[in-house]
């Protein structure tokens, strides 16, 4: 009863890509056009131009996705499944993940949008 056997299916460890995960700051946005907190500016994104930003709502629905993100998210979705795409995302808490492929890192955190 105390003996267990583990079976692994997959490739060679040297072939697997690993990414370290680091928590970045949580961000606050007020995308109202006043020039303050209108755009999501992620620290260090310029160090890895080959990146992917994904933003999810509180239900886990992907509301924004952008390859080669360059600090341009303005609170509007770019996904077909989001009803309020043209008018901007509703106020609330969102979860983001940015994968920085050049640095082999993933950063994650929360984003609060207040309209």
C-alpha atoms as a PDB file:
ATOM      1  CA  UNK A   1       0.000   0.000   0.000  1.00  0.00           C
ATOM      2  CA  UNK A   2       2.937   2.408   0.459  1.00  0.00           C
ATOM      3  CA  UNK A   3       4.610   1.589  -2.862  1.00  0.00           C
ATOM      4  CA  UNK A   4       3.763   3.827  -5.794  1.00  0.00           C
ATOM      5  CA  UNK A   5       4.884   3.729  -9.387  1.00  0.00           C
ATOM      6  CA  UNK A   6       5.107   6.884 -11.474  1.00  0.00           C
ATOM      7  CA  UNK A   7       4.795   6.732 -15.228  1.00  0.00           C
ATOM      8  CA  UNK A   8       5.767   9.795 -17.218  1.00  0.00           C
ATOM      9  CA  UNK A   9       4.870  10.408 -20.811  1.00  0.00           C
ATOM     10  CA  UNK A  10       6.689  13.094 -22.694  1.00  0.00           C
ATOM     11  CA  UNK A  11       9.946  14.320 -24.014  1.00  0.00           C
ATOM     12  CA  UNK A  12      13.425  14.845 -22.841  1.00  0.00           C
ATOM     13  CA  UNK A  13      14.075  17.438 -20.086  1.00  0.00           C
ATOM     14  CA  UNK A  14      16.608  19.192 -22.300  1.00  0.00           C
ATOM     15  CA  UNK A  15      13.882  19.799 -24.903  1.00  0.00           C
ATOM     16  CA  UNK A  16      11.421  21.434 -22.501  1.00  0.00           C
ATOM     17  CA  UNK A  17      11.263  25.214 -22.326  1.00  0.00           C
ATOM     18  CA  UNK A  18      10.958  26.603 -18.831  1.00  0.00           C
ATOM     19  CA  UNK A  19       9.884  30.086 -17.849  1.00  0.00           C
ATOM     20  CA  UNK A  20      10.244  31.649 -14.443  1.00  0.00           C
ATOM     21  CA  UNK A  21       7.086  33.317 -13.143  1.00  0.00           C
ATOM     22  CA  UNK A  22       7.389  36.673 -11.424  1.00  0.00           C
ATOM     23  CA  UNK A  23       4.603  38.748  -9.910  1.00  0.00           C
ATOM     24  CA  UNK A  24       4.613  42.321 -11.173  1.00  0.00           C
ATOM     25  CA  UNK A  25       2.767  45.188  -9.590  1.00  0.00           C
ATOM     26  CA  UNK A  26      -0.965  45.454  -9.691  1.00  0.00           C
ATOM     27  CA  UNK A  27      -2.134  48.261 -11.953  1.00  0.00           C
ATOM     28  CA  UNK A  28      -4.933  50.819 -11.871  1.00  0.00           C
ATOM     29  CA  UNK A  29      -6.449  52.283 -15.034  1.00  0.00           C
ATOM     30  CA  UNK A  30      -8.908  55.099 -15.631  1.00  0.00           C
ATOM     31  CA  UNK A  31      -9.222  55.104 -19.438  1.00  0.00           C
ATOM     32  CA  UNK A  32     -11.157  58.372 -19.677  1.00  0.00           C
ATOM     33  CA  UNK A  33      -8.822  60.361 -21.939  1.00  0.00           C
ATOM     34  CA  UNK A  34      -7.416  62.717 -19.289  1.00  0.00           C
ATOM     35  CA  UNK A  35      -3.827  61.548 -19.876  1.00  0.00           C
ATOM     36  CA  UNK A  36      -3.464  59.875 -16.467  1.00  0.00           C
ATOM     37  CA  UNK A  37      -3.659  56.084 -16.138  1.00  0.00           C
ATOM     38  CA  UNK A  38      -5.295  55.815 -19.574  1.00  0.00           C
ATOM     39  CA  UNK A  39      -2.928  53.088 -20.830  1.00  0.00           C
ATOM     40  CA  UNK A  40      -1.546  49.945 -19.207  1.00  0.00           C
ATOM     41  CA  UNK A  41       2.206  50.569 -18.985  1.00  0.00           C
ATOM     42  CA  UNK A  42       3.988  47.390 -17.904  1.00  0.00           C
ATOM     43  CA  UNK A  43       7.453  47.852 -16.438  1.00  0.00           C
ATOM     44  CA  UNK A  44      10.237  46.262 -18.475  1.00  0.00           C
ATOM     45  CA  UNK A  45       8.151  45.305 -21.514  1.00  0.00           C
ATOM     46  CA  UNK A  46      10.680  47.030 -23.788  1.00  0.00           C
ATOM     47  CA  UNK A  47      13.337  44.523 -22.658  1.00  0.00           C
ATOM     48  CA  UNK A  48      11.458  41.740 -24.449  1.00  0.00           C
ATOM     49  CA  UNK A  49       9.825  42.887 -27.698  1.00  0.00           C
ATOM     50  CA  UNK A  50       8.885  39.263 -28.437  1.00  0.00           C
ATOM     51  CA  UNK A  51       6.100  39.012 -25.854  1.00  0.00           C
ATOM     52  CA  UNK A  52       2.436  38.135 -25.417  1.00  0.00           C
ATOM     53  CA  UNK A  53       0.001  40.028 -23.180  1.00  0.00           C
ATOM     54  CA  UNK A  54      -3.247  38.340 -22.157  1.00  0.00           C
ATOM     55  CA  UNK A  55      -5.939  39.967 -20.011  1.00  0.00           C
ATOM     56  CA  UNK A  56      -8.780  37.957 -18.478  1.00  0.00           C
ATOM     57  CA  UNK A  57     -11.948  39.104 -16.740  1.00  0.00           C
ATOM     58  CA  UNK A  58     -13.026  37.804 -13.334  1.00  0.00           C
ATOM     59  CA  UNK A  59     -14.711  34.807 -14.978  1.00  0.00           C
ATOM     60  CA  UNK A  60     -11.526  33.766 -16.775  1.00  0.00           C
ATOM     61  CA  UNK A  61     -12.688  34.966 -20.196  1.00  0.00           C
ATOM     62  CA  UNK A  62      -9.888  36.279 -22.399  1.00  0.00           C
ATOM     63  CA  UNK A  63     -10.810  39.906 -23.151  1.00  0.00           C
ATOM     64  CA  UNK A  64      -7.524  41.119 -24.680  1.00  0.00           C
ATOM     65  CA  UNK A  65      -4.586  39.415 -26.347  1.00  0.00           C
ATOM     66  CA  UNK A  66      -1.648  41.071 -28.092  1.00  0.00           C
ATOM     67  CA  UNK A  67       1.623  39.712 -29.458  1.00  0.00           C
ATOM     68  CA  UNK A  68       4.577  42.116 -29.234  1.00  0.00           C
ATOM     69  CA  UNK A  69       2.776  44.336 -26.710  1.00  0.00           C
ATOM     70  CA  UNK A  70       4.183  47.875 -26.488  1.00  0.00           C
ATOM     71  CA  UNK A  71       2.140  49.559 -23.722  1.00  0.00           C
ATOM     72  CA  UNK A  72      -0.932  50.291 -25.832  1.00  0.00           C
ATOM     73  CA  UNK A  73      -3.870  48.670 -23.963  1.00  0.00           C
ATOM     74  CA  UNK A  74      -6.450  51.421 -23.416  1.00  0.00           C
ATOM     75  CA  UNK A  75      -9.233  49.509 -21.698  1.00  0.00           C
ATOM     76  CA  UNK A  76     -10.859  48.239 -24.889  1.00  0.00           C
ATOM     77  CA  UNK A  77     -11.115  44.582 -25.808  1.00  0.00           C
ATOM     78  CA  UNK A  78      -9.765  43.228 -29.075  1.00  0.00           C
ATOM     79  CA  UNK A  79     -11.662  39.939 -28.838  1.00  0.00           C
ATOM     80  CA  UNK A  80     -14.738  39.069 -30.902  1.00  0.00           C
ATOM     81  CA  UNK A  81     -16.535  37.470 -27.948  1.00  0.00           C
ATOM     82  CA  UNK A  82     -16.675  40.642 -25.831  1.00  0.00           C
ATOM     83  CA  UNK A  83     -19.956  42.523 -26.232  1.00  0.00           C
ATOM     84  CA  UNK A  84     -18.659  45.904 -24.990  1.00  0.00           C
ATOM     85  CA  UNK A  85     -15.628  45.871 -27.275  1.00  0.00           C
ATOM     86  CA  UNK A  86     -16.238  49.303 -28.834  1.00  0.00           C
ATOM     87  CA  UNK A  87     -17.259  51.095 -25.642  1.00  0.00           C
ATOM     88  CA  UNK A  88     -14.479  49.715 -23.445  1.00  0.00           C
ATOM     89  CA  UNK A  89     -14.409  47.083 -20.756  1.00  0.00           C
ATOM     90  CA  UNK A  90     -16.614  47.598 -17.701  1.00  0.00           C
ATOM     91  CA  UNK A  91     -15.124  48.717 -14.400  1.00  0.00           C
ATOM     92  CA  UNK A  92     -13.725  45.844 -12.390  1.00  0.00           C
ATOM     93  CA  UNK A  93     -10.760  43.645 -11.616  1.00  0.00           C
ATOM     94  CA  UNK A  94      -8.909  41.844 -14.402  1.00  0.00           C
ATOM     95  CA  UNK A  95      -6.015  39.369 -14.331  1.00  0.00           C
ATOM     96  CA  UNK A  96      -3.098  39.742 -16.726  1.00  0.00           C
ATOM     97  CA  UNK A  97      -0.242  37.511 -17.844  1.00  0.00           C
ATOM     98  CA  UNK A  98       2.629  38.759 -19.960  1.00  0.00           C
ATOM     99  CA  UNK A  99       4.971  36.168 -21.425  1.00  0.00           C
ATOM    100  CA  UNK A 100       8.360  37.666 -22.220  1.00  0.00           C
ATOM    101  CA  UNK A 101       9.830  35.127 -24.611  1.00  0.00           C
ATOM    102  CA  UNK A 102      13.189  36.890 -25.011  1.00  0.00           C
ATOM    103  CA  UNK A 103      13.758  36.748 -21.237  1.00  0.00           C
ATOM    104  CA  UNK A 104      12.033  33.368 -20.755  1.00  0.00           C
ATOM    105  CA  UNK A 105       9.798  34.844 -18.053  1.00  0.00           C
ATOM    106  CA  UNK A 106       6.100  35.092 -17.323  1.00  0.00           C
ATOM    107  CA  UNK A 107       4.749  37.947 -15.251  1.00  0.00           C
ATOM    108  CA  UNK A 108       1.280  38.053 -13.762  1.00  0.00           C
ATOM    109  CA  UNK A 109      -0.799  40.419 -11.719  1.00  0.00           C
ATOM    110  CA  UNK A 110      -4.089  42.223 -11.349  1.00  0.00           C
ATOM    111  CA  UNK A 111      -5.453  45.249 -13.126  1.00  0.00           C
ATOM    112  CA  UNK A 112      -8.319  47.405 -11.884  1.00  0.00           C
ATOM    113  CA  UNK A 113     -10.220  49.404 -14.493  1.00  0.00           C
ATOM    114  CA  UNK A 114     -12.342  52.298 -13.257  1.00  0.00           C
ATOM    115  CA  UNK A 115     -14.517  54.113 -15.792  1.00  0.00           C
END
